[in-house]
Structure formats: structure tokens, C-alpha cells
Protein backbone atom coordinates (compact mmCIF):
# COMPACT_ATOMS: atom_id res chain seq x y z
CA LEU A 1 -115.41 41.93 -95.47
CA GLU A 2 -112.24 42.17 -97.65
CA ALA A 3 -110.33 39.84 -95.05
CA LEU A 4 -113.17 37.30 -95.25
CA LYS A 5 -113.07 37.27 -99.06
CA ALA A 6 -109.45 36.79 -98.69
CA ILE A 7 -110.04 33.69 -96.68
CA ASP A 8 -112.63 32.42 -98.95
CA LYS A 9 -110.18 32.42 -101.88
CA MET A 10 -107.63 30.50 -99.59
CA ILE A 11 -110.24 28.00 -98.81
CA VAL A 12 -111.00 27.49 -102.67
CA MET A 13 -107.48 27.19 -103.42
CA GLY A 14 -107.08 24.61 -100.65
CA ALA A 15 -109.95 22.49 -101.97
CA GLN A 16 -108.31 22.62 -105.42
CA ALA A 17 -104.92 21.67 -104.31
CA ASP A 18 -103.48 18.05 -104.78
CA PRO A 19 -104.73 16.04 -101.66
CA LYS A 20 -101.57 14.15 -101.72
CA LEU A 21 -99.33 17.39 -101.90
CA LEU A 22 -100.99 18.99 -99.00
CA LYS A 23 -100.33 15.71 -96.82
CA ALA A 24 -96.66 15.87 -97.97
CA ALA A 25 -96.45 19.64 -96.85
CA ALA A 26 -98.20 18.91 -93.70
CA ASP A 27 -95.80 16.27 -93.16
CA ALA A 28 -92.85 18.43 -93.84
CA HIS A 29 -94.24 21.21 -91.59
CA HIS A 30 -94.35 18.43 -88.87
CA LYS A 31 -90.99 17.41 -89.39
CA ALA A 32 -89.68 20.96 -89.36
CA ILE A 33 -91.61 21.57 -86.06
CA GLY A 34 -89.85 18.52 -84.52
CA SER A 35 -86.55 19.64 -85.59
CA ILE A 36 -86.77 23.06 -83.97
CA GLY A 37 -83.89 23.37 -81.53
CA GLY A 38 -81.30 25.66 -79.63
CA ALA A 39 -81.65 28.86 -77.83
CA ASN A 40 -83.22 30.57 -80.85
CA GLY A 41 -86.13 28.27 -81.41
CA VAL A 42 -85.59 27.82 -85.29
CA THR A 43 -85.76 24.55 -87.41
CA SER A 44 -82.96 23.23 -89.32
CA LYS A 45 -82.01 24.78 -92.80
CA ALA A 46 -82.67 21.46 -94.40
CA ASP A 47 -86.39 21.38 -92.88
CA TRP A 48 -86.99 24.98 -93.83
CA GLU A 49 -86.13 24.30 -97.63
CA ALA A 50 -88.27 21.12 -97.42
CA VAL A 51 -91.43 22.88 -96.04
CA ASN A 52 -90.95 25.78 -98.81
CA ALA A 53 -90.60 23.27 -101.60
CA ALA A 54 -93.52 21.16 -100.49
CA LEU A 55 -95.68 24.49 -100.33
CA GLY A 56 -94.31 25.32 -103.73
CA ARG A 57 -95.63 21.87 -105.19
CA VAL A 58 -99.04 22.53 -103.45
CA ILE A 59 -99.26 26.03 -105.15
CA ALA A 60 -98.27 24.54 -108.43
CA SER A 61 -100.98 21.81 -108.19
CA VAL A 62 -103.56 24.66 -108.23
CA PRO A 63 -104.73 26.76 -111.40
CA GLU A 64 -102.94 29.75 -111.71
CA SER A 65 -106.16 31.60 -111.99
CA THR A 66 -107.07 30.44 -108.58
CA VAL A 67 -103.53 31.23 -107.33
CA MET A 68 -103.86 34.81 -108.76
CA ASP A 69 -107.43 35.02 -107.20
CA VAL A 70 -105.84 34.63 -103.65
CA TYR A 71 -102.76 36.94 -104.40
CA ASN A 72 -105.13 39.64 -105.68
CA SER A 73 -107.51 39.33 -102.67
CA VAL A 74 -104.57 39.39 -100.20
CA SER A 75 -103.17 42.37 -102.14
CA ASP A 76 -106.53 44.17 -101.20
CA ILE A 77 -105.76 43.96 -97.42
CA THR A 78 -102.11 44.24 -97.36
CA ASP A 79 -100.37 47.73 -96.97
CA PRO A 80 -98.80 48.70 -100.24
CA GLY A 81 -95.51 49.05 -98.55
CA VAL A 82 -95.17 45.41 -97.40
CA PRO A 83 -93.92 43.85 -100.97
CA ALA A 84 -90.84 46.58 -101.37
CA TYR A 85 -90.15 45.82 -97.43
CA MET A 86 -90.05 41.98 -97.83
CA LYS A 87 -87.84 42.60 -100.90
CA SER A 88 -85.45 44.63 -99.14
CA LEU A 89 -84.79 41.55 -96.77
CA VAL A 90 -83.57 39.49 -99.46
CA ASN A 91 -81.10 39.91 -102.65
CA GLY A 92 -83.41 41.64 -104.97
CA ALA A 93 -82.11 39.94 -108.04
CA ASP A 94 -82.70 36.63 -106.55
CA ALA A 95 -86.80 37.89 -105.45
CA GLU A 96 -87.23 38.82 -108.93
CA ALA A 97 -85.86 35.50 -110.43
CA ALA A 98 -87.94 33.58 -108.26
């Protein structure tokens, strides 16, 4: 049931996002998928960065309270060790600054 609540919060967030920014994010994803190449099946760094930037703009277009509703509902269904693990994969100072 908690997972369904989290999905509901995500749908609400998507409905509140700027449609033009959603389209731009979908276009960035499409381009990134198209640039996948090589033996490792990874997109280009530029396309990866473009996807992340586009998603950031989508998230920024939604009220903070809605974003936090999604964050909190997902945290309810996520192992508490996940944030520390994810942070261990990157430079900690960079993660805190973000």
C-alpha cells in the first residue's frame, strides 16, 4: 500500500510539472537512448548531463511541497541504508552541495 501511495504522489507531481519542460526532458531521454553505443551500452556524457539538467528543470517547475511529498513517500518504502550507500558512490562534499 505504501508503494501505491508513493506512485500516487509521483503522478500528482507529474501532473503539476510544466508540460514544455516534460517534453524537453522526454526529448533529452530519447536523444540519450539514441546515442548509446560501444560495448558497455552507455550514452554519451553530454547526453547524460542533458537528461539530468532537463529533469532538474522539470522538478524545479513543481511546488516544493509536492516534491517533498514524493521524497517523503519514497523514503517510507526505501531501505534507510540506501542514502548512505548512494552518497558513498560519489564525492560526499559534492553530494552535500547539490
